[in-house]
């Protein structure tokens, strides 16, 4: 699920956003059809001070697990990151 909203002020644009992802299942292309469990959340904001430039800040938190016959449950709980991106458009 992704939720976003557009705010325009003084020819500048803000896009606050929230993403939530849940997945339970396997991946056929992986060896032994590993079982995956994914529970991720992200939120942030994109700022466009003009049409040629964008800044994005984003916070991510994830809880992921995978397992197969060879490896018991591999669990990555509480993985978190903060990202900052600048982009020039031409």
Protein backbone atom coordinates (compact mmCIF):
# COMPACT_ATOMS: atom_id res chain seq x y z
CA UNK A 1 0.00 0.00 0.00
CA UNK A 2 1.29 3.46 -0.83
CA UNK A 3 -0.29 6.69 0.32
CA UNK A 4 0.88 10.08 -0.92
CA UNK A 5 -0.39 13.63 -0.96
CA UNK A 6 0.60 16.60 -3.15
CA UNK A 7 1.03 20.04 -1.59
CA UNK A 8 1.80 23.05 -3.81
CA UNK A 9 2.96 26.34 -2.28
CA UNK A 10 4.70 29.25 -4.02
CA UNK A 11 5.50 27.09 -7.09
CA UNK A 12 7.17 24.49 -4.87
CA UNK A 13 5.79 20.98 -4.53
CA UNK A 14 5.88 18.60 -1.53
CA UNK A 15 4.93 14.92 -1.69
CA UNK A 16 4.75 13.33 1.77
CA UNK A 17 4.39 9.55 1.43
CA UNK A 18 3.91 6.34 3.39
CA UNK A 19 4.50 2.80 2.08
CA UNK A 20 3.61 -0.45 3.79
CA UNK A 21 4.45 -3.87 2.35
CA UNK A 22 3.54 -7.36 3.55
CA UNK A 23 4.48 -10.57 1.77
CA UNK A 24 4.13 -14.20 2.85
CA UNK A 25 5.19 -16.88 0.40
CA UNK A 26 7.94 -18.37 -1.68
CA UNK A 27 10.07 -17.40 -4.62
CA UNK A 28 10.11 -20.09 -7.29
CA UNK A 29 13.28 -18.80 -8.93
CA UNK A 30 15.33 -19.36 -5.76
CA UNK A 31 16.95 -22.64 -4.83
CA UNK A 32 14.67 -24.89 -2.77
CA UNK A 33 11.80 -22.34 -3.21
CA UNK A 34 12.65 -20.40 -0.08
CA UNK A 35 9.81 -19.22 2.11
CA UNK A 36 9.76 -15.47 2.70
CA UNK A 37 8.01 -13.25 5.21
CA UNK A 38 8.31 -9.50 4.67
CA UNK A 39 6.87 -6.68 6.77
CA UNK A 40 8.26 -3.26 5.71
CA UNK A 41 7.26 0.34 6.36
CA UNK A 42 8.72 3.51 4.83
CA UNK A 43 7.82 7.15 5.12
CA UNK A 44 9.32 10.33 3.84
CA UNK A 45 8.88 13.46 1.82
CA UNK A 46 9.89 14.61 -1.66
CA UNK A 47 10.47 18.33 -2.17
CA UNK A 48 10.58 19.96 -5.62
CA UNK A 49 11.62 23.61 -5.24
CA UNK A 50 11.48 23.85 -9.06
CA UNK A 51 10.78 21.39 -11.93
CA UNK A 52 14.52 20.71 -12.44
CA UNK A 53 15.48 19.65 -8.91
CA UNK A 54 14.15 17.18 -6.31
CA UNK A 55 15.20 16.27 -2.78
CA UNK A 56 13.90 13.12 -1.07
CA UNK A 57 14.33 12.03 2.54
CA UNK A 58 13.06 8.62 3.59
CA UNK A 59 13.06 6.42 6.69
CA UNK A 60 12.73 2.62 6.35
CA UNK A 61 12.06 -0.09 8.92
CA UNK A 62 11.85 -3.76 7.99
CA UNK A 63 11.25 -7.15 9.52
CA UNK A 64 12.20 -9.96 7.11
CA UNK A 65 12.55 -13.73 7.41
CA UNK A 66 13.48 -16.42 4.92
CA UNK A 67 14.11 -20.12 5.26
CA UNK A 68 14.59 -23.26 3.21
CA UNK A 69 15.57 -26.87 3.83
CA UNK A 70 19.30 -26.08 3.97
CA UNK A 71 18.98 -23.04 6.24
CA UNK A 72 16.67 -22.68 9.17
CA UNK A 73 14.89 -19.36 9.65
CA UNK A 74 17.12 -16.39 8.86
CA UNK A 75 15.50 -13.45 10.57
CA UNK A 76 16.38 -9.78 10.08
CA UNK A 77 14.35 -7.89 12.63
CA UNK A 78 14.49 -4.18 13.17
CA UNK A 79 16.53 -3.30 10.08
CA UNK A 80 16.29 0.46 9.73
CA UNK A 81 17.80 3.06 7.45
CA UNK A 82 17.55 6.72 6.58
CA UNK A 83 18.06 7.80 2.97
CA UNK A 84 18.64 11.15 1.35
CA UNK A 85 18.55 11.65 -2.43
CA UNK A 86 19.05 14.64 -4.71
CA UNK A 87 18.00 14.49 -8.34
CA UNK A 88 18.43 16.87 -11.26
CA UNK A 89 15.93 16.69 -14.11
CA UNK A 90 16.63 17.97 -17.59
